[in-house]
Amino acid sequence: MEYIYRDNPVFVDCRGEGPAVLLLHGWGCDHTVFESLREQLRAYHTVYSFDLPGFGRSAEPDSVWGVEEYTQLIEAFVRDREIGSPSLVGHSFGGRVALLYASRNRVERLMLVDAAGVKPVRTWRYYWRVYSYKFLRRCVQALLSRDRAERFIERWRRRRGSSDYGNASPRMRAVLSKVVNEDLRGVMPRIGAPALLFWGENDTATPLRDARIMEKLIPDAGLVAVPGAGHFSFLERPALFAAVVRSFFNLDRQ
């Protein structure tokens, strides 16, 4: 289905019947990343799998969005569909949106999978890269024509930046730069729903340290740390993930 939000078309895959579950994917992914989870839940729930704006079949946002704007989209969808108290599953970037949503809306249950939301610890190497890039950009812009300078800077970004940044359009790069610096620790104590954290012990994008912080700050939270798994722990350990979902959503009792 296509959902129109502030003139922005947003693709939402809807399957099943029953209490609503909203699936929110991570950066660079789309709704298909949760295909197995959707099939597991659809027998007992109405499962809404989003292509968040800028990903999959959804258009880019018309401005530089942060977590707030993405969360307002989900809030509008829930109101328009007259969904009372949904459950949310968020991976990585989708976890940011799920966290903010659950902090100020009624939620049945919240599942965070290698979720972002804790601002990364910055080392001196990070700040060296940032300020050396800014210095290089000023020098290049002063020495080269505008077009040549932009081409040079673009090549430098692709070599030195993250794959997420390098693969994104200019607008989505601005979105990424905005959201990665948003720290949601302040809203976590306001989450009233039971929360389950499913995390790869070897996750380097959102380290297990972040999960332990969330577990302490969210009043009713439990953590499943997955040995040997990384940032896509739910795909790397599908049988374990399915068992945890079955327990958390009480599927054996329905």
Protein backbone atom coordinates (compact mmCIF):
# COMPACT_ATOMS: atom_id res chain seq x y z
CA MET A 1 0.00 0.00 0.00
CA GLU A 2 1.04 3.60 -0.52
CA TYR A 3 0.63 5.97 2.40
CA ILE A 4 0.77 9.70 1.67
CA TYR A 5 2.38 11.78 4.40
CA ARG A 6 2.73 15.53 3.81
CA ASP A 7 2.65 14.86 0.07
CA ASN A 8 5.43 12.27 0.46
CA PRO A 9 4.52 8.77 -0.82
CA VAL A 10 5.58 6.07 1.66
CA PHE A 11 5.42 2.37 0.82
CA VAL A 12 4.02 0.10 3.53
CA ASP A 13 3.68 -3.66 3.15
CA CYS A 14 0.63 -4.90 5.10
CA ARG A 15 0.04 -8.59 5.87
CA GLY A 16 -2.04 -10.65 8.28
CA GLU A 17 -4.78 -9.94 10.83
CA GLY A 18 -4.81 -9.14 14.51
CA PRO A 19 -3.00 -6.67 16.82
CA ALA A 20 -0.68 -4.35 14.91
CA VAL A 21 3.09 -4.77 14.71
CA LEU A 22 5.22 -2.12 12.99
CA LEU A 23 8.57 -3.16 11.50
CA LEU A 24 11.16 -0.41 11.07
CA HIS A 25 14.30 -1.27 9.09
CA GLY A 26 17.83 0.02 9.41
CA TRP A 27 19.82 2.45 7.28
CA GLY A 28 20.38 1.29 3.71
CA CYS A 29 17.75 -1.46 3.96
CA ASP A 30 14.04 -1.66 3.17
CA HIS A 31 10.99 -3.62 4.33
CA THR A 32 12.23 -6.88 2.79
CA VAL A 33 14.97 -7.24 5.42
CA PHE A 34 12.24 -8.34 7.85
CA GLU A 35 10.63 -10.86 5.50
CA SER A 36 11.09 -13.87 7.80
CA LEU A 37 9.83 -11.96 10.84
CA ARG A 38 6.81 -10.73 8.91
CA GLU A 39 5.91 -14.28 7.89
CA GLN A 40 6.30 -15.47 11.46
CA LEU A 41 4.04 -12.77 12.90
CA ARG A 42 1.35 -12.47 10.23
CA ALA A 43 -0.62 -15.51 11.44
CA TYR A 44 -1.48 -13.65 14.65
CA HIS A 45 -0.88 -9.98 13.87
CA THR A 46 -1.40 -7.30 11.26
CA VAL A 47 2.18 -6.60 10.26
CA TYR A 48 3.09 -3.23 8.73
CA SER A 49 6.56 -3.25 7.16
CA PHE A 50 7.73 0.23 6.19
CA ASP A 51 10.06 1.51 3.54
CA LEU A 52 11.10 4.58 5.47
CA PRO A 53 11.44 7.72 3.32
CA GLY A 54 14.64 7.59 1.30
CA PHE A 55 14.76 3.80 1.16
CA GLY A 56 13.22 1.04 -0.94
CA ARG A 57 10.09 2.14 -2.76
CA SER A 58 9.58 5.32 -0.72
CA ALA A 59 10.66 8.71 -2.01
CA GLU A 60 13.29 10.74 -0.22
CA PRO A 61 11.95 13.24 2.31
CA ASP A 62 11.43 16.71 0.91
CA SER A 63 13.84 18.20 3.46
CA VAL A 64 16.61 17.04 5.78
CA TRP A 65 14.75 14.89 8.30
CA GLY A 66 15.92 13.84 11.72
CA VAL A 67 14.58 11.15 14.05
CA GLU A 68 11.76 13.52 15.04
CA GLU A 69 10.36 13.79 11.51
CA TYR A 70 10.55 10.04 10.91
CA THR A 71 8.78 9.45 14.22
CA GLN A 72 6.06 11.94 13.35
CA LEU A 73 5.45 9.94 10.16
CA ILE A 74 4.88 6.75 12.18
CA GLU A 75 2.64 8.64 14.63
CA ALA A 76 0.53 9.99 11.76
CA PHE A 77 0.21 6.52 10.24
CA VAL A 78 -0.94 5.03 13.54
CA ARG A 79 -3.53 7.80 13.98
CA ASP A 80 -4.82 7.52 10.42
CA ARG A 81 -5.14 3.73 10.66
CA GLU A 82 -6.73 4.06 14.11
CA ILE A 83 -4.23 1.68 15.66
CA GLY A 84 -4.56 1.80 19.41
CA SER A 85 -1.37 0.38 20.87
CA PRO A 86 1.00 -1.22 18.36
CA SER A 87 4.06 -3.33 18.98
CA LEU A 88 7.28 -2.09 17.37
CA VAL A 89 10.38 -3.84 16.08
CA GLY A 90 13.26 -1.59 15.07
CA HIS A 91 16.68 -2.49 13.69
CA SER A 92 19.58 -0.03 13.75
CA PHE A 93 18.24 3.32 12.45
CA GLY A 94 14.69 1.97 12.74
CA GLY A 95 15.45 1.42 16.41
CA ARG A 96 15.96 5.15 16.85
CA VAL A 97 12.48 5.81 15.54
CA ALA A 98 10.99 3.01 17.65
CA LEU A 99 12.66 4.38 20.78
CA LEU A 100 11.36 7.91 20.31
CA TYR A 101 7.89 6.67 19.37
CA ALA A 102 7.64 4.39 22.41
CA SER A 103 8.79 7.20 24.73
CA ARG A 104 5.67 9.27 24.02
CA ASN A 105 2.98 6.89 22.76
CA ARG A 106 1.19 3.80 24.02
CA VAL A 107 3.01 0.68 22.87
CA GLU A 108 2.19 -2.96 23.55
CA ARG A 109 5.79 -4.16 23.34
CA LEU A 110 9.08 -2.91 21.94
CA MET A 111 11.80 -5.03 20.33
CA LEU A 112 15.14 -3.37 19.58
CA VAL A 113 17.55 -5.24 17.33
CA ASP A 114 21.10 -3.87 17.23
CA ALA A 115 19.41 -0.51 17.57
CA ALA A 116 20.97 2.93 17.30
CA GLY A 117 20.11 5.65 19.77
CA VAL A 118 23.19 6.12 21.93
CA LYS A 119 25.58 8.74 20.57
CA PRO A 120 28.89 7.06 19.68
CA VAL A 121 31.98 7.64 21.77
CA ARG A 122 34.26 9.82 19.65
CA THR A 123 38.00 9.28 19.69
CA TRP A 124 40.66 11.78 18.68
CA ARG A 125 40.94 9.96 15.34
CA TYR A 126 37.34 10.82 14.55
CA TYR A 127 37.87 14.51 15.21
CA TRP A 128 41.14 14.42 13.23
CA ARG A 129 39.24 13.04 10.21
CA VAL A 130 36.46 15.62 10.56
CA TYR A 131 38.69 18.68 10.85
CA SER A 132 41.22 17.50 8.28
CA TYR A 133 38.33 17.03 5.84
CA LYS A 134 37.06 20.56 6.51
CA PHE A 135 40.56 21.98 6.03
CA LEU A 136 41.05 20.02 2.80
CA ARG A 137 37.68 21.17 1.46
CA ARG A 138 38.53 24.84 2.03
CA CYS A 139 41.89 24.43 0.31
CA VAL A 140 40.44 22.62 -2.69
CA GLN A 141 37.65 25.16 -3.08
CA ALA A 142 40.21 27.97 -3.04
CA LEU A 143 42.52 26.36 -5.61
CA LEU A 144 40.15 24.69 -8.09
CA SER A 145 37.07 25.66 -10.03
CA ARG A 146 33.76 24.85 -8.41
CA ASP A 147 33.04 21.78 -10.58
CA ARG A 148 36.54 20.34 -10.22
CA ALA A 149 36.51 20.98 -6.49
CA GLU A 150 33.19 19.18 -6.06
CA ARG A 151 34.43 16.17 -8.05
CA PHE A 152 37.62 16.00 -6.00
CA ILE A 153 35.73 16.25 -2.70
CA GLU A 154 33.24 13.60 -3.81
CA ARG A 155 36.04 11.15 -4.62
CA TRP A 156 37.67 11.86 -1.27
CA ARG A 157 34.39 11.26 0.57
CA ARG A 158 33.87 7.92 -1.15
CA ARG A 159 37.36 6.73 -0.24
CA ARG A 160 37.35 7.92 3.36
CA GLY A 161 33.70 7.96 4.41
CA SER A 162 31.49 5.08 5.58
CA SER A 163 29.76 2.91 2.98
CA ASP A 164 26.38 4.23 4.18
CA TYR A 165 27.53 7.79 3.57
CA GLY A 166 29.21 7.01 0.27
CA ASN A 167 26.19 5.18 -1.15
CA ALA A 168 23.67 7.85 -0.16
CA SER A 169 22.34 10.74 -2.23
CA PRO A 170 23.33 14.27 -1.14
CA ARG A 171 20.06 14.76 0.77
CA MET A 172 20.24 11.38 2.49
CA ARG A 173 23.85 12.11 3.45
CA ALA A 174 22.59 15.20 5.23
CA VAL A 175 19.89 13.10 6.92
CA LEU A 176 22.50 10.54 8.02
CA SER A 177 24.78 13.25 9.40
CA LYS A 178 21.86 14.62 11.38
CA VAL A 179 20.50 11.38 12.84
CA VAL A 180 23.81 9.79 13.87
CA ASN A 181 24.47 12.68 16.23
CA GLU A 182 21.08 12.45 17.97
CA ASP A 183 21.37 10.93 21.46
CA LEU A 184 18.12 9.37 22.71
CA ARG A 185 19.25 8.36 26.18
CA GLY A 186 17.15 11.14 27.67
CA VAL A 187 13.85 9.66 26.41
CA MET A 188 14.55 6.02 27.32
CA PRO A 189 13.34 6.25 30.96
CA ARG A 190 9.93 7.38 29.66
CA ILE A 191 9.28 4.12 27.80
CA GLY A 192 6.42 2.30 29.53
CA ALA A 193 6.24 -0.81 27.38
CA PRO A 194 8.21 -4.00 28.01
CA ALA A 195 11.31 -3.94 25.82
CA LEU A 196 13.51 -6.75 24.54
CA LEU A 197 16.97 -6.05 23.15
CA PHE A 198 18.42 -8.58 20.69
CA TRP A 199 22.08 -7.82 20.03
CA GLY A 200 25.16 -9.21 18.35
CA GLU A 201 28.10 -9.39 20.74
CA ASN A 202 30.44 -8.46 17.88
CA ASP A 203 28.36 -5.55 16.60
CA THR A 204 30.72 -2.70 15.74
CA ALA A 205 28.12 -0.29 14.31
CA THR A 206 26.04 -0.19 17.50
CA PRO A 207 28.23 -1.91 20.10
CA LEU A 208 26.92 -4.14 22.88
CA ARG A 209 27.89 -1.32 25.23
CA ASP A 210 24.96 0.65 23.78
CA ALA A 211 22.57 -2.22 24.51
CA ARG A 212 23.67 -2.36 28.14
CA ILE A 213 23.05 1.40 28.47
CA MET A 214 19.56 0.97 27.01
CA GLU A 215 18.86 -1.98 29.29
CA LYS A 216 19.66 0.19 32.32
CA LEU A 217 17.68 3.23 31.17
CA ILE A 218 14.49 1.55 29.88
CA PRO A 219 12.45 0.64 32.98
CA ASP A 220 11.26 -2.80 31.79
CA ALA A 221 13.99 -4.16 29.53
CA GLY A 222 15.82 -7.42 28.96
CA LEU A 223 18.85 -8.17 26.80
CA VAL A 224 19.67 -11.18 24.64
CA ALA A 225 23.35 -10.98 23.63
CA VAL A 226 24.13 -13.21 20.65
CA PRO A 227 27.65 -14.74 20.63
CA GLY A 228 29.55 -14.36 17.37
CA ALA A 229 26.91 -12.16 15.70
CA GLY A 230 27.36 -8.66 14.35
CA HIS A 231 25.10 -5.78 13.40
CA PHE A 232 22.59 -8.00 11.59
CA SER A 233 22.26 -10.52 14.40
CA PHE A 234 18.67 -11.37 13.47
CA LEU A 235 19.80 -12.50 10.02
CA GLU A 236 22.96 -14.21 11.27
CA ARG A 237 21.14 -16.27 13.92
CA PRO A 238 17.64 -16.71 12.42
CA ALA A 239 16.62 -19.74 14.50
CA LEU A 240 17.50 -18.05 17.78
CA PHE A 241 15.81 -14.84 16.69
CA ALA A 242 12.63 -16.70 15.73
CA ALA A 243 12.58 -18.45 19.11
CA VAL A 244 13.02 -15.16 20.97
CA VAL A 245 10.25 -13.53 18.91
CA ARG A 246 7.95 -16.48 19.58
CA SER A 247 8.48 -16.09 23.32
CA PHE A 248 8.32 -12.29 23.46
CA PHE A 249 5.14 -12.10 21.37
CA ASN A 250 3.57 -15.10 23.14
CA LEU A 251 2.94 -16.81 19.80
CA ASP A 252 2.72 -20.30 21.33
CA ARG A 253 -0.20 -19.17 23.48
CA GLN A 254 -2.28 -17.70 20.64
